[in-house]
C-alpha cells in the first residue's frame, strides 16, 4: 500500500528525520518551521499504523522525547491522523 505522509515533528533534528525516512525507503522532504520540522514523504507499507509506529520508533531511538503529529493518506483518499502512536481520526473519502 502506497501512503503519503504529512507530519510535524518536535524535538528532533532534520538529519535524524532524514535517517528515519531512509530506513523506511521513503522519498520526501524535511523543512524547519519554528520549533518544529515539517515532513512530507511517500512510502509503501502494510498500513498507516505500521509505518507510523516504525517512523516514530526510529526517531525516538535518537531522542526519546520526540513527538509526532502525522497524517497518512492512501491512494483511495482515506486519511488517518496520529498523535505519537495513537490513532486520533480516520477520514474516508
Protein backbone atom coordinates (compact mmCIF):
# COMPACT_ATOMS: atom_id res chain seq x y z
CA UNK A 1 0.00 0.00 0.00
CA UNK A 2 1.39 3.40 -1.01
CA UNK A 3 0.89 6.17 1.56
CA UNK A 4 1.63 9.90 1.70
CA UNK A 5 2.83 11.38 4.96
CA UNK A 6 2.41 14.94 6.19
CA UNK A 7 3.80 15.36 9.68
CA UNK A 8 5.07 17.79 12.32
CA UNK A 9 7.95 16.57 14.44
CA UNK A 10 9.09 18.21 17.70
CA UNK A 11 12.43 17.75 19.47
CA UNK A 12 14.25 16.04 16.62
CA UNK A 13 16.70 17.47 14.09
CA UNK A 14 16.44 17.26 10.29
CA UNK A 15 19.35 14.80 9.97
CA UNK A 16 17.66 12.34 12.36
CA UNK A 17 14.36 12.68 10.50
CA UNK A 18 16.02 12.07 7.12
CA UNK A 19 17.76 9.00 8.55
CA UNK A 20 14.43 7.62 9.83
CA UNK A 21 12.84 8.23 6.41
CA UNK A 22 15.75 6.42 4.79
CA UNK A 23 15.11 3.38 7.00
CA UNK A 24 11.58 3.29 5.55
CA UNK A 25 12.85 3.72 1.96
CA UNK A 26 10.81 6.92 1.73
CA UNK A 27 11.14 9.78 -0.71
CA UNK A 28 10.42 13.09 0.92
CA UNK A 29 11.41 16.47 2.27
CA UNK A 30 12.07 17.96 5.70
CA UNK A 31 11.89 21.68 6.42
CA UNK A 32 12.06 23.74 9.59
CA UNK A 33 9.06 25.79 10.73
CA UNK A 34 9.72 27.47 14.06
CA UNK A 35 10.41 24.82 16.69
CA UNK A 36 9.02 22.03 14.52
CA UNK A 37 10.12 20.15 11.45
CA UNK A 38 7.59 19.65 8.67
CA UNK A 39 7.90 16.30 6.89
CA UNK A 40 6.29 15.36 3.57
CA UNK A 41 7.04 11.93 2.16
CA UNK A 42 5.74 8.96 0.21
CA UNK A 43 6.36 5.36 1.18
CA UNK A 44 4.99 1.86 0.94
CA UNK A 45 3.92 -0.40 3.78
CA UNK A 46 1.24 -2.74 5.07
CA UNK A 47 -0.71 0.02 6.87
CA UNK A 48 -0.53 3.60 8.10
CA UNK A 49 -0.39 2.31 11.68
CA UNK A 50 2.66 0.14 10.94
CA UNK A 51 4.53 2.91 9.11
CA UNK A 52 3.70 5.45 11.82
CA UNK A 53 4.98 3.11 14.54
CA UNK A 54 8.19 2.34 12.62
CA UNK A 55 8.87 6.02 11.85
CA UNK A 56 8.27 7.22 15.42
CA UNK A 57 10.33 4.35 16.88
CA UNK A 58 13.27 5.29 14.63
CA UNK A 59 13.01 8.93 15.74
CA UNK A 60 12.79 8.02 19.43
CA UNK A 61 15.89 5.84 19.29
CA UNK A 62 17.82 9.10 18.94
CA UNK A 63 15.65 11.48 21.03
CA UNK A 64 13.21 9.86 23.45
CA UNK A 65 11.09 12.99 23.88
CA UNK A 66 10.28 13.34 20.16
CA UNK A 67 6.60 13.94 19.40
CA UNK A 68 4.93 13.19 16.07
CA UNK A 69 1.69 14.56 14.66
CA UNK A 70 1.16 12.67 11.41
CA UNK A 71 -1.47 12.37 8.70
CA UNK A 72 -1.19 9.35 6.40
CA UNK A 73 -3.22 9.39 3.16
CA UNK A 74 -3.68 6.30 1.00
CA UNK A 75 -4.31 6.18 -2.77
CA UNK A 76 -8.06 5.68 -2.18
CA UNK A 77 -8.21 9.01 -0.31
CA UNK A 78 -8.54 7.61 3.21
CA UNK A 79 -6.63 9.70 5.78
CA UNK A 80 -5.52 8.55 9.22
CA UNK A 81 -4.28 11.06 11.79
CA UNK A 82 -1.96 10.03 14.60
CA UNK A 83 -0.51 11.73 17.65
CA UNK A 84 2.59 9.72 18.52
CA UNK A 85 1.45 6.07 18.41
CA UNK A 86 -2.27 6.78 18.88
CA UNK A 87 -4.79 6.90 16.01
CA UNK A 88 -6.92 10.01 16.57
CA UNK A 89 -9.10 10.19 13.47
CA UNK A 90 -9.90 8.35 10.24
CA UNK A 91 -11.41 10.24 7.31
CA UNK A 92 -12.78 8.24 4.37
CA UNK A 93 -13.43 9.93 1.04
